[in-house]
PDB file of N, CA and C in Angstrom:
ATOM      1  N   UNK A   1      50.055  30.994  93.027  1.00  0.00           N
ATOM      2  CA  UNK A   1      49.806  32.413  92.966  1.00  0.00           C
ATOM      3  C   UNK A   1      49.243  32.746  91.585  1.00  0.00           C
ATOM      4  N   UNK A   2      48.237  33.626  91.574  1.00  0.00           N
ATOM      5  CA  UNK A   2      47.666  34.047  90.298  1.00  0.00           C
ATOM      6  C   UNK A   2      47.211  35.506  90.383  1.00  0.00           C
ATOM      7  N   UNK A   3      47.005  36.082  89.227  1.00  0.00           N
ATOM      8  CA  UNK A   3      46.486  37.443  89.116  1.00  0.00           C
ATOM      9  C   UNK A   3      45.068  37.336  88.587  1.00  0.00           C
ATOM     10  N   UNK A   4      44.118  37.915  89.314  1.00  0.00           N
ATOM     11  CA  UNK A   4      42.714  37.907  88.912  1.00  0.00           C
ATOM     12  C   UNK A   4      42.324  39.355  88.654  1.00  0.00           C
ATOM     13  N   UNK A   5      41.929  39.645  87.433  1.00  0.00           N
ATOM     14  CA  UNK A   5      41.647  41.006  86.992  1.00  0.00           C
ATOM     15  C   UNK A   5      40.182  41.110  86.602  1.00  0.00           C
ATOM     16  N   UNK A   6      39.460  42.064  87.191  1.00  0.00           N
ATOM     17  CA  UNK A   6      38.057  42.260  86.815  1.00  0.00           C
ATOM     18  C   UNK A   6      37.976  42.973  85.472  1.00  0.00           C
ATOM     19  N   UNK A   7      36.836  42.888  84.831  1.00  0.00           N
ATOM     20  CA  UNK A   7      36.615  43.582  83.555  1.00  0.00           C
ATOM     21  C   UNK A   7      36.762  45.095  83.736  1.00  0.00           C
ATOM     22  N   UNK A   8      36.276  45.606  84.866  1.00  0.00           N
ATOM     23  CA  UNK A   8      36.410  47.040  85.156  1.00  0.00           C
ATOM     24  C   UNK A   8      37.884  47.440  85.287  1.00  0.00           C
ATOM     25  N   UNK A   9      38.686  46.578  85.902  1.00  0.00           N
ATOM     26  CA  UNK A   9      40.116  46.863  86.051  1.00  0.00           C
ATOM     27  C   UNK A   9      40.802  46.855  84.689  1.00  0.00           C
ATOM     28  N   UNK A  10      40.463  45.896  83.847  1.00  0.00           N
ATOM     29  CA  UNK A  10      41.029  45.853  82.504  1.00  0.00           C
ATOM     30  C   UNK A  10      40.716  47.148  81.764  1.00  0.00           C
ATOM     31  N   UNK A  11      39.479  47.581  81.822  1.00  0.00           N
ATOM     32  CA  UNK A  11      39.085  48.828  81.165  1.00  0.00           C
ATOM     33  C   UNK A  11      39.801  50.030  81.766  1.00  0.00           C
ATOM     34  N   UNK A  12      40.002  50.040  83.089  1.00  0.00           N
ATOM     35  CA  UNK A  12      40.715  51.141  83.737  1.00  0.00           C
ATOM     36  C   UNK A  12      42.144  51.239  83.199  1.00  0.00           C
ATOM     37  N   UNK A  13      42.843  50.116  83.113  1.00  0.00           N
ATOM     38  CA  UNK A  13      44.214  50.130  82.600  1.00  0.00           C
ATOM     39  C   UNK A  13      44.251  50.610  81.149  1.00  0.00           C
ATOM     40  N   UNK A  14      43.275  50.212  80.358  1.00  0.00           N
ATOM     41  CA  UNK A  14      43.226  50.659  78.966  1.00  0.00           C
ATOM     42  C   UNK A  14      43.008  52.170  78.879  1.00  0.00           C
ATOM     43  N   UNK A  15      42.091  52.677  79.696  1.00  0.00           N
ATOM     44  CA  UNK A  15      41.732  54.098  79.617  1.00  0.00           C
ATOM     45  C   UNK A  15      42.734  55.006  80.333  1.00  0.00           C
ATOM     46  N   UNK A  16      43.164  54.636  81.512  1.00  0.00           N
ATOM     47  CA  UNK A  16      43.995  55.521  82.329  1.00  0.00           C
ATOM     48  C   UNK A  16      45.492  55.370  82.067  1.00  0.00           C
ATOM     49  N   UNK A  17      45.926  54.180  81.695  1.00  0.00           N
ATOM     50  CA  UNK A  17      47.359  53.968  81.429  1.00  0.00           C
ATOM     51  C   UNK A  17      47.635  53.777  79.935  1.00  0.00           C
ATOM     52  N   UNK A  18      46.578  53.864  79.127  1.00  0.00           N
ATOM     53  CA  UNK A  18      46.699  53.724  77.672  1.00  0.00           C
ATOM     54  C   UNK A  18      47.372  52.425  77.245  1.00  0.00           C
ATOM     55  N   UNK A  19      47.129  51.337  77.987  1.00  0.00           N
ATOM     56  CA  UNK A  19      47.688  50.050  77.576  1.00  0.00           C
ATOM     57  C   UNK A  19      46.851  49.485  76.442  1.00  0.00           C
ATOM     58  N   UNK A  20      47.518  48.759  75.585  1.00  0.00           N
ATOM     59  CA  UNK A  20      46.844  48.128  74.454  1.00  0.00           C
ATOM     60  C   UNK A  20      47.511  46.791  74.169  1.00  0.00           C
ATOM     61  N   UNK A  21      46.941  46.071  73.256  1.00  0.00           N
ATOM     62  CA  UNK A  21      47.465  44.761  72.904  1.00  0.00           C
ATOM     63  C   UNK A  21      48.957  44.852  72.604  1.00  0.00           C
ATOM     64  N   UNK A  22      49.728  43.934  73.193  1.00  0.00           N
ATOM     65  CA  UNK A  22      51.176  43.913  73.027  1.00  0.00           C
ATOM     66  C   UNK A  22      51.928  44.557  74.185  1.00  0.00           C
ATOM     67  N   UNK A  23      51.212  45.298  75.043  1.00  0.00           N
ATOM     68  CA  UNK A  23      51.847  45.947  76.197  1.00  0.00           C
ATOM     69  C   UNK A  23      51.921  44.984  77.377  1.00  0.00           C
ATOM     70  N   UNK A  24      52.795  45.322  78.329  1.00  0.00           N
ATOM     71  CA  UNK A  24      52.923  44.570  79.564  1.00  0.00           C
ATOM     72  C   UNK A  24      52.717  45.476  80.760  1.00  0.00           C
ATOM     73  N   UNK A  25      52.003  44.989  81.756  1.00  0.00           N
ATOM     74  CA  UNK A  25      51.776  45.721  83.003  1.00  0.00           C
ATOM     75  C   UNK A  25      52.375  44.891  84.126  1.00  0.00           C
ATOM     76  N   UNK A  26      53.335  45.484  84.818  1.00  0.00           N
ATOM     77  CA  UNK A  26      54.088  44.792  85.858  1.00  0.00           C
ATOM     78  C   UNK A  26      53.603  45.222  87.243  1.00  0.00           C
ATOM     79  N   UNK A  27      53.193  44.259  88.056  1.00  0.00           N
ATOM     80  CA  UNK A  27      52.889  44.496  89.468  1.00  0.00           C
ATOM     81  C   UNK A  27      54.147  44.123  90.242  1.00  0.00           C
ATOM     82  N   UNK A  28      54.655  45.043  91.063  1.00  0.00           N
ATOM     83  CA  UNK A  28      55.942  44.797  91.717  1.00  0.00           C
ATOM     84  C   UNK A  28      55.963  45.314  93.150  1.00  0.00           C
ATOM     85  N   UNK A  29      56.933  44.823  93.915  1.00  0.00           N
ATOM     86  CA  UNK A  29      57.135  45.252  95.306  1.00  0.00           C
ATOM     87  C   UNK A  29      57.887  46.576  95.292  1.00  0.00           C
ATOM     88  N   UNK A  30      57.304  47.569  95.933  1.00  0.00           N
ATOM     89  CA  UNK A  30      57.882  48.906  95.967  1.00  0.00           C
ATOM     90  C   UNK A  30      58.253  49.243  97.401  1.00  0.00           C
ATOM     91  N   UNK A  31      59.473  49.716  97.597  1.00  0.00           N
ATOM     92  CA  UNK A  31      59.917  50.106  98.939  1.00  0.00           C
ATOM     93  C   UNK A  31      59.195  51.385  99.343  1.00  0.00           C
ATOM     94  N   UNK A  32      58.626  51.365 100.542  1.00  0.00           N
ATOM     95  CA  UNK A  32      57.896  52.522 101.046  1.00  0.00           C
ATOM     96  C   UNK A  32      56.415  52.226 101.125  1.00  0.00           C
ATOM     97  N   UNK A  33      55.754  52.930 102.010  1.00  0.00           N
ATOM     98  CA  UNK A  33      54.329  52.715 102.199  1.00  0.00           C
ATOM     99  C   UNK A  33      54.079  51.468 103.027  1.00  0.00           C
ATOM    100  N   UNK A  34      52.902  50.916 102.868  1.00  0.00           N
ATOM    101  CA  UNK A  34      52.588  49.674 103.568  1.00  0.00           C
ATOM    102  C   UNK A  34      51.525  48.928 102.778  1.00  0.00           C
ATOM    103  N   UNK A  35      51.385  47.680 103.111  1.00  0.00           N
ATOM    104  CA  UNK A  35      50.376  46.835 102.483  1.00  0.00           C
ATOM    105  C   UNK A  35      49.873  45.873 103.549  1.00  0.00           C
ATOM    106  N   UNK A  36      48.765  45.184 103.279  1.00  0.00           N
ATOM    107  CA  UNK A  36      48.284  44.195 104.249  1.00  0.00           C
ATOM    108  C   UNK A  36      49.285  43.058 104.492  1.00  0.00           C
ATOM    109  N   UNK A  37      50.233  42.880 103.566  1.00  0.00           N
ATOM    110  CA  UNK A  37      51.184  41.776 103.681  1.00  0.00           C
ATOM    111  C   UNK A  37      52.514  42.181 104.299  1.00  0.00           C
ATOM    112  N   UNK A  38      52.966  43.419 104.028  1.00  0.00           N
ATOM    113  CA  UNK A  38      54.293  43.845 104.475  1.00  0.00           C
ATOM    114  C   UNK A  38      54.303  45.320 104.837  1.00  0.00           C
ATOM    115  N   UNK A  39      54.704  45.612 106.052  1.00  0.00           N
ATOM    116  CA  UNK A  39      54.890  46.998 106.445  1.00  0.00           C
ATOM    117  C   UNK A  39      56.190  47.499 105.821  1.00  0.00           C
ATOM    118  N   UNK A  40      56.186  48.700 105.286  1.00  0.00           N
ATOM    119  CA  UNK A  40      57.377  49.253 104.664  1.00  0.00           C
ATOM    120  C   UNK A  40      57.483  48.984 103.174  1.00  0.00           C
ATOM    121  N   UNK A  41      56.536  48.198 102.623  1.00  0.00           N
ATOM    122  CA  UNK A  41      56.503  47.927 101.186  1.00  0.00           C
ATOM    123  C   UNK A  41      55.071  48.074 100.692  1.00  0.00           C
ATOM    124  N   UNK A  42      54.928  48.509  99.460  1.00  0.00           N
ATOM    125  CA  UNK A  42      53.608  48.625  98.863  1.00  0.00           C
ATOM    126  C   UNK A  42      53.659  48.087  97.436  1.00  0.00           C
ATOM    127  N   UNK A  43      52.499  47.948  96.846  1.00  0.00           N
ATOM    128  CA  UNK A  43      52.402  47.424  95.495  1.00  0.00           C
ATOM    129  C   UNK A  43      52.608  48.553  94.498  1.00  0.00           C
ATOM    130  N   UNK A  44      53.498  48.354  93.554  1.00  0.00           N
ATOM    131  CA  UNK A  44      53.703  49.290  92.457  1.00  0.00           C
ATOM    132  C   UNK A  44      53.179  48.699  91.171  1.00  0.00           C
ATOM    133  N   UNK A  45      52.858  49.584  90.225  1.00  0.00           N
ATOM    134  CA  UNK A  45      52.357  49.160  88.920  1.00  0.00           C
ATOM    135  C   UNK A  45      53.034  50.016  87.864  1.00  0.00           C
ATOM    136  N   UNK A  46      53.561  49.359  86.833  1.00  0.00           N
ATOM    137  CA  UNK A  46      54.184  50.115  85.743  1.00  0.00           C
ATOM    138  C   UNK A  46      54.068  49.329  84.445  1.00  0.00           C
ATOM    139  N   UNK A  47      54.105  50.060  83.346  1.00  0.00           N
ATOM    140  CA  UNK A  47      54.191  49.411  82.042  1.00  0.00           C
ATOM    141  C   UNK A  47      55.658  49.070  81.823  1.00  0.00           C
ATOM    142  N   UNK A  48      55.916  47.842  81.403  1.00  0.00           N
ATOM    143  CA  UNK A  48      57.292  47.395  81.255  1.00  0.00           C
ATOM    144  C   UNK A  48      57.328  46.157  80.373  1.00  0.00           C
ATOM    145  N   UNK A  49      58.519  45.751  80.042  1.00  0.00           N
ATOM    146  CA  UNK A  49      58.740  44.499  79.317  1.00  0.00           C
ATOM    147  C   UNK A  49      59.187  43.449  80.330  1.00  0.00           C
ATOM    148  N   UNK A  50      58.622  42.254  80.275  1.00  0.00           N
ATOM    149  CA  UNK A  50      58.990  41.219  81.249  1.00  0.00           C
ATOM    150  C   UNK A  50      60.411  40.699  81.065  1.00  0.00           C
ATOM    151  N   UNK A  51      60.995  40.284  82.185  1.00  0.00           N
ATOM    152  CA  UNK A  51      62.320  39.674  82.168  1.00  0.00           C
ATOM    153  C   UNK A  51      62.222  38.207  82.599  1.00  0.00           C
ATOM    154  N   UNK A  52      61.807  37.987  83.844  1.00  0.00           N
ATOM    155  CA  UNK A  52      61.672  36.627  84.370  1.00  0.00           C
ATOM    156  C   UNK A  52      60.347  36.536  85.116  1.00  0.00           C
ATOM    157  N   UNK A  53      59.328  36.078  84.434  1.00  0.00           N
ATOM    158  CA  UNK A  53      57.962  36.089  84.955  1.00  0.00           C
ATOM    159  C   UNK A  53      57.730  34.942  85.938  1.00  0.00           C
ATOM    160  N   UNK A  54      57.128  35.281  87.079  1.00  0.00           N
ATOM    161  CA  UNK A  54      56.718  34.274  88.054  1.00  0.00           C
ATOM    162  C   UNK A  54      55.271  33.859  87.808  1.00  0.00           C
ATOM    163  N   UNK A  55      54.425  34.843  87.499  1.00  0.00           N
ATOM    164  CA  UNK A  55      53.009  34.574  87.240  1.00  0.00           C
ATOM    165  C   UNK A  55      52.505  35.626  86.251  1.00  0.00           C
ATOM    166  N   UNK A  56      51.547  35.208  85.426  1.00  0.00           N
ATOM    167  CA  UNK A  56      51.011  36.127  84.432  1.00  0.00           C
ATOM    168  C   UNK A  56      49.578  35.780  84.098  1.00  0.00           C
ATOM    169  N   UNK A  57      48.885  36.760  83.548  1.00  0.00           N
ATOM    170  CA  UNK A  57      47.580  36.551  82.951  1.00  0.00           C
ATOM    171  C   UNK A  57      47.507  37.497  81.766  1.00  0.00           C
ATOM    172  N   UNK A  58      46.761  37.108  80.758  1.00  0.00           N
ATOM    173  CA  UNK A  58      46.653  37.935  79.564  1.00  0.00           C
ATOM    174  C   UNK A  58      45.188  38.209  79.262  1.00  0.00           C
ATOM    175  N   UNK A  59      44.895  39.474  78.964  1.00  0.00           N
ATOM    176  CA  UNK A  59      43.544  39.899  78.596  1.00  0.00           C
ATOM    177  C   UNK A  59      43.658  40.842  77.410  1.00  0.00           C
ATOM    178  N   UNK A  60      42.927  40.563  76.355  1.00  0.00           N
ATOM    179  CA  UNK A  60      42.921  41.397  75.150  1.00  0.00           C
ATOM    180  C   UNK A  60      44.332  41.662  74.632  1.00  0.00           C
ATOM    181  N   UNK A  61      45.214  40.688  74.754  1.00  0.00           N
ATOM    182  CA  UNK A  61      46.572  40.823  74.262  1.00  0.00           C
ATOM    183  C   UNK A  61      47.494  41.619  75.174  1.00  0.00           C
ATOM    184  N   UNK A  62      47.001  42.019  76.349  1.00  0.00           N
ATOM    185  CA  UNK A  62      47.801  42.763  77.333  1.00  0.00           C
ATOM    186  C   UNK A  62      48.280  41.777  78.386  1.00  0.00           C
ATOM    187  N   UNK A  63      49.577  41.779  78.646  1.00  0.00           N
ATOM    188  CA  UNK A  63      50.176  40.872  79.616  1.00  0.00           C
ATOM    189  C   UNK A  63      50.253  41.564  80.974  1.00  0.00           C
ATOM    190  N   UNK A  64      49.622  40.991  81.979  1.00  0.00           N
ATOM    191  CA  UNK A  64      49.705  41.458  83.366  1.00  0.00           C
ATOM    192  C   UNK A  64      50.554  40.428  84.094  1.00  0.00           C
ATOM    193  N   UNK A  65      51.615  40.868  84.773  1.00  0.00           N
ATOM    194  CA  UNK A  65      52.554  39.894  85.313  1.00  0.00           C
ATOM    195  C   UNK A  65      53.262  40.378  86.578  1.00  0.00           C
ATOM    196  N   UNK A  66      53.878  39.407  87.244  1.00  0.00           N
ATOM    197  CA  UNK A  66      54.732  39.628  88.414  1.00  0.00           C
ATOM    198  C   UNK A  66      56.052  38.946  88.111  1.00  0.00           C
ATOM    199  N   UNK A  67      57.142  39.665  88.294  1.00  0.00           N
ATOM    200  CA  UNK A  67      58.472  39.103  88.070  1.00  0.00           C
ATOM    201  C   UNK A  67      58.847  38.167  89.222  1.00  0.00           C
ATOM    202  N   UNK A  68      59.729  37.235  88.934  1.00  0.00           N
ATOM    203  CA  UNK A  68      60.203  36.285  89.952  1.00  0.00           C
ATOM    204  C   UNK A  68      60.807  37.004  91.157  1.00  0.00           C
ATOM    205  N   UNK A  69      61.529  38.100  90.906  1.00  0.00           N
ATOM    206  CA  UNK A  69      62.183  38.827  92.003  1.00  0.00           C
ATOM    207  C   UNK A  69      61.188  39.480  92.967  1.00  0.00           C
ATOM    208  N   UNK A  70      59.917  39.613  92.550  1.00  0.00           N
ATOM    209  CA  UNK A  70      58.902  40.235  93.399  1.00  0.00           C
ATOM    210  C   UNK A  70      57.890  39.246  93.967  1.00  0.00           C
ATOM    211  N   UNK A  71      58.047  37.966  93.669  1.00  0.00           N
ATOM    212  CA  UNK A  71      57.089  36.951  94.122  1.00  0.00           C
ATOM    213  C   UNK A  71      57.010  36.889  95.647  1.00  0.00           C
ATOM    214  N   UNK A  72      58.119  37.167  96.347  1.00  0.00           N
ATOM    215  CA  UNK A  72      58.142  37.128  97.814  1.00  0.00           C
ATOM    216  C   UNK A  72      57.080  38.057  98.419  1.00  0.00           C
ATOM    217  N   UNK A  73      56.827  39.177  97.760  1.00  0.00           N
ATOM    218  CA  UNK A  73      55.905  40.182  98.280  1.00  0.00           C
ATOM    219  C   UNK A  73      54.497  39.609  98.475  1.00  0.00           C
ATOM    220  N   UNK A  74      54.101  38.699  97.607  1.00  0.00           N
ATOM    221  CA  UNK A  74      52.739  38.175  97.633  1.00  0.00           C
ATOM    222  C   UNK A  74      52.563  37.043  98.635  1.00  0.00           C
ATOM    223  N   UNK A  75      53.649  36.484  99.146  1.00  0.00           N
ATOM    224  CA  UNK A  75      53.649  35.591 100.301  1.00  0.00           C
ATOM    225  C   UNK A  75      52.534  34.545 100.265  1.00  0.00           C
ATOM    226  N   UNK A  76      52.402  33.838  99.121  1.00  0.00           N
ATOM    227  CA  UNK A  76      51.396  32.779  99.026  1.00  0.00           C
ATOM    228  C   UNK A  76      49.975  33.283  98.844  1.00  0.00           C
ATOM    229  N   UNK A  77      49.823  34.475  98.304  1.00  0.00           N
ATOM    230  CA  UNK A  77      48.509  35.075  98.070  1.00  0.00           C
ATOM    231  C   UNK A  77      48.291  35.313  96.579  1.00  0.00           C
ATOM    232  N   UNK A  78      47.039  35.233  96.154  1.00  0.00           N
ATOM    233  CA  UNK A  78      46.648  35.649  94.811  1.00  0.00           C
ATOM    234  C   UNK A  78      46.387  37.145  94.843  1.00  0.00           C
ATOM    235  N   UNK A  79      46.665  37.817  93.745  1.00  0.00           N
ATOM    236  CA  UNK A  79      46.391  39.250  93.624  1.00  0.00           C
ATOM    237  C   UNK A  79      45.081  39.437  92.869  1.00  0.00           C
ATOM    238  N   UNK A  80      44.119  40.107  93.510  1.00  0.00           N
ATOM    239  CA  UNK A  80      42.828  40.414  92.886  1.00  0.00           C
ATOM    240  C   UNK A  80      42.766  41.915  92.631  1.00  0.00           C
ATOM    241  N   UNK A  81      42.583  42.283  91.360  1.00  0.00           N
ATOM    242  CA  UNK A  81      42.563  43.684  90.955  1.00  0.00           C
ATOM    243  C   UNK A  81      41.152  44.039  90.518  1.00  0.00           C
ATOM    244  N   UNK A  82      40.597  45.054  91.183  1.00  0.00           N
ATOM    245  CA  UNK A  82      39.270  45.559  90.838  1.00  0.00           C
ATOM    246  C   UNK A  82      39.349  47.077  90.753  1.00  0.00           C
ATOM    247  N   UNK A  83      38.215  47.749  90.633  1.00  0.00           N
ATOM    248  CA  UNK A  83      38.200  49.206  90.561  1.00  0.00           C
ATOM    249  C   UNK A  83      37.184  49.738  91.553  1.00  0.00           C
ATOM    250  N   UNK A  84      37.591  50.763  92.308  1.00  0.00           N
ATOM    251  CA  UNK A  84      36.670  51.516  93.151  1.00  0.00           C
ATOM    252  C   UNK A  84      35.993  52.526  92.229  1.00  0.00           C
ATOM    253  N   UNK A  85      34.729  52.307  91.908  1.00  0.00           N
ATOM    254  CA  UNK A  85      34.029  53.139  90.943  1.00  0.00           C
ATOM    255  C   UNK A  85      33.804  54.561  91.455  1.00  0.00           C
ATOM    256  N   UNK A  86      33.718  54.733  92.761  1.00  0.00           N
ATOM    257  CA  UNK A  86      33.566  56.075  93.335  1.00  0.00           C
ATOM    258  C   UNK A  86      34.830  56.905  93.121  1.00  0.00           C
ATOM    259  N   UNK A  87      35.992  56.296  93.340  1.00  0.00           N
ATOM    260  CA  UNK A  87      37.275  57.004  93.230  1.00  0.00           C
ATOM    261  C   UNK A  87      37.907  56.876  91.847  1.00  0.00           C
ATOM    262  N   UNK A  88      37.362  55.971  91.026  1.00  0.00           N
ATOM    263  CA  UNK A  88      37.925  55.664  89.710  1.00  0.00           C
ATOM    264  C   UNK A  88      39.413  55.325  89.803  1.00  0.00           C
ATOM    265  N   UNK A  89      39.720  54.370  90.688  1.00  0.00           N
ATOM    266  CA  UNK A  89      41.093  53.899  90.819  1.00  0.00           C
ATOM    267  C   UNK A  89      41.087  52.421  91.166  1.00  0.00           C
ATOM    268  N   UNK A  90      42.165  51.734  90.803  1.00  0.00           N
ATOM    269  CA  UNK A  90      42.202  50.298  91.090  1.00  0.00           C
ATOM    270  C   UNK A  90      42.325  50.005  92.582  1.00  0.00           C
ATOM    271  N   UNK A  91      41.787  48.868  92.968  1.00  0.00           N
ATOM    272  CA  UNK A  91      41.944  48.358  94.322  1.00  0.00           C
ATOM    273  C   UNK A  91      42.603  46.990  94.216  1.00  0.00           C
ATOM    274  N   UNK A  92      43.365  46.666  95.244  1.00  0.00           N
ATOM    275  CA  UNK A  92      44.121  45.419  95.240  1.00  0.00           C
ATOM    276  C   UNK A  92      43.812  44.642  96.500  1.00  0.00           C
ATOM    277  N   UNK A  93      43.467  43.376  96.324  1.00  0.00           N
ATOM    278  CA  UNK A  93      43.205  42.489  97.455  1.00  0.00           C
ATOM    279  C   UNK A  93      44.116  41.285  97.325  1.00  0.00           C
ATOM    280  N   UNK A  94      44.549  40.786  98.472  1.00  0.00           N
ATOM    281  CA  UNK A  94      45.447  39.635  98.508  1.00  0.00           C
ATOM    282  C   UNK A  94      44.714  38.505  99.207  1.00  0.00           C
ATOM    283  N   UNK A  95      44.456  37.441  98.460  1.00  0.00           N
ATOM    284  CA  UNK A  95      43.711  36.301  99.014  1.00  0.00           C
ATOM    285  C   UNK A  95      44.618  35.089  99.104  1.00  0.00           C
ATOM    286  N   UNK A  96      44.655  34.492 100.302  1.00  0.00           N
ATOM    287  CA  UNK A  96      45.487  33.315 100.556  1.00  0.00           C
ATOM    288  C   UNK A  96      45.117  32.217  99.577  1.00  0.00           C
ATOM    289  N   UNK A  97      46.142  31.599  99.002  1.00  0.00           N
ATOM    290  CA  UNK A  97      45.910  30.517  98.033  1.00  0.00           C
ATOM    291  C   UNK A  97      45.463  29.265  98.743  1.00  0.00           C
TER     292      UNK A  97
END
């Protein structure tokens, strides 16, 4: 499992969430909503400090990660983060490893 972040997504997080070098962005399983992988759960995103990382990637000193407790949500898929330029919001795709 890996996190793949486009340059546009990195810039979106910097501009819209004010993340900077030294910050952490956590992708996590959120109860409610739906996703292509699990009905009743959706992907959440928050700035946080890591506890037990399952997978991570770092760009410009910013840590993007998934905690071990949320690895089940991705069910053997890589997380691809891009930006919908029309809506100016991130998009998430799950690609089988």
